[in-house]
């Protein structure tokens, strides 16, 4: 019986901790949304800001690999401008 009580208390504690973290996560998400709205209000493109934030999370090697693949795919689709000849 005591073991059941301990397990119930542990389970309740885990759930309450998760719930507190979820509340904090929601508050942080709302704060981030406000920052993006402020940036948009100051004339910045929030899609580009989100992309920069995503890129900055990557390590340098991962970013270089993705950029190389992007350039390769765009080139294969004829989307990369050819270098201008200065002749």
Protein backbone atom coordinates (compact mmCIF):
# COMPACT_ATOMS: atom_id res chain seq x y z
CA UNK A 1 0.00 0.00 0.00
CA UNK A 2 2.82 2.43 0.86
CA UNK A 3 4.53 1.63 -2.46
CA UNK A 4 1.35 2.55 -4.32
CA UNK A 5 1.20 5.84 -2.48
CA UNK A 6 4.84 6.61 -3.34
CA UNK A 7 4.24 5.75 -7.01
CA UNK A 8 1.11 7.92 -7.09
CA UNK A 9 2.99 10.81 -5.48
CA UNK A 10 5.82 10.47 -7.99
CA UNK A 11 3.40 10.33 -10.90
CA UNK A 12 1.53 13.38 -9.62
CA UNK A 13 4.83 15.26 -9.17
CA UNK A 14 5.92 14.41 -12.74
CA UNK A 15 2.62 15.54 -14.17
CA UNK A 16 2.62 18.78 -12.19
CA UNK A 17 6.18 19.55 -13.31
CA UNK A 18 5.22 18.92 -16.93
CA UNK A 19 2.17 21.15 -16.56
CA UNK A 20 4.27 23.99 -15.12
CA UNK A 21 6.76 23.66 -17.97
CA UNK A 22 3.91 23.70 -20.52
CA UNK A 23 2.62 26.93 -18.97
CA UNK A 24 6.10 28.46 -19.17
CA UNK A 25 6.44 27.27 -22.76
CA UNK A 26 3.14 28.93 -23.69
CA UNK A 27 4.24 32.18 -22.04
CA UNK A 28 7.56 32.12 -23.90
CA UNK A 29 5.79 31.39 -27.20
CA UNK A 30 3.53 34.40 -26.60
CA UNK A 31 6.59 36.57 -25.87
CA UNK A 32 8.28 35.41 -29.08
CA UNK A 33 5.10 36.15 -31.05
CA UNK A 34 5.11 39.69 -29.63
CA UNK A 35 8.75 40.18 -30.68
CA UNK A 36 7.95 39.11 -34.24
CA UNK A 37 4.97 41.49 -34.27
CA UNK A 38 7.21 44.31 -33.06
CA UNK A 39 9.79 43.52 -35.75
CA UNK A 40 7.03 43.49 -38.40
CA UNK A 41 5.75 46.81 -37.08
CA UNK A 42 9.23 48.23 -37.61
CA UNK A 43 9.23 47.12 -41.26
CA UNK A 44 11.20 43.86 -40.99
CA UNK A 45 10.16 40.75 -42.92
CA UNK A 46 9.32 38.17 -40.26
CA UNK A 47 9.66 35.23 -42.67
CA UNK A 48 13.28 36.20 -43.24
CA UNK A 49 13.86 36.70 -39.51
CA UNK A 50 12.44 33.23 -38.81
CA UNK A 51 14.72 31.78 -41.48
CA UNK A 52 17.76 33.49 -39.95
CA UNK A 53 16.84 32.19 -36.48
CA UNK A 54 16.51 28.67 -37.93
CA UNK A 55 19.86 28.97 -39.74
CA UNK A 56 21.64 30.26 -36.63
CA UNK A 57 20.53 27.13 -34.74
CA UNK A 58 22.46 24.92 -37.18
CA UNK A 59 26.13 24.20 -36.82
CA UNK A 60 28.43 25.55 -39.53
CA UNK A 61 28.96 22.21 -41.30
CA UNK A 62 25.26 21.43 -41.44
CA UNK A 63 24.53 24.91 -42.80
CA UNK A 64 27.25 24.65 -45.48
CA UNK A 65 25.95 21.23 -46.53
CA UNK A 66 22.38 22.51 -46.87
CA UNK A 67 23.50 25.60 -48.80
CA UNK A 68 25.52 23.42 -51.19
CA UNK A 69 22.56 21.10 -51.76
CA UNK A 70 20.23 24.05 -52.27
CA UNK A 71 22.58 25.55 -54.85
CA UNK A 72 22.96 22.15 -56.59
CA UNK A 73 19.19 21.62 -56.78
CA UNK A 74 18.54 25.18 -57.94
CA UNK A 75 21.23 24.81 -60.60
CA UNK A 76 19.66 21.55 -61.78
CA UNK A 77 16.36 23.39 -62.16
CA UNK A 78 17.94 26.32 -64.01
CA UNK A 79 17.26 28.71 -61.15
CA UNK A 80 20.85 29.90 -60.62
CA UNK A 81 21.95 32.89 -62.64
CA UNK A 82 25.01 32.34 -64.78
CA UNK A 83 28.05 34.51 -63.93
CA UNK A 84 28.22 37.60 -66.12
CA UNK A 85 30.95 37.68 -68.77
CA UNK A 86 33.01 40.87 -68.67
CA UNK A 87 34.13 40.56 -72.31
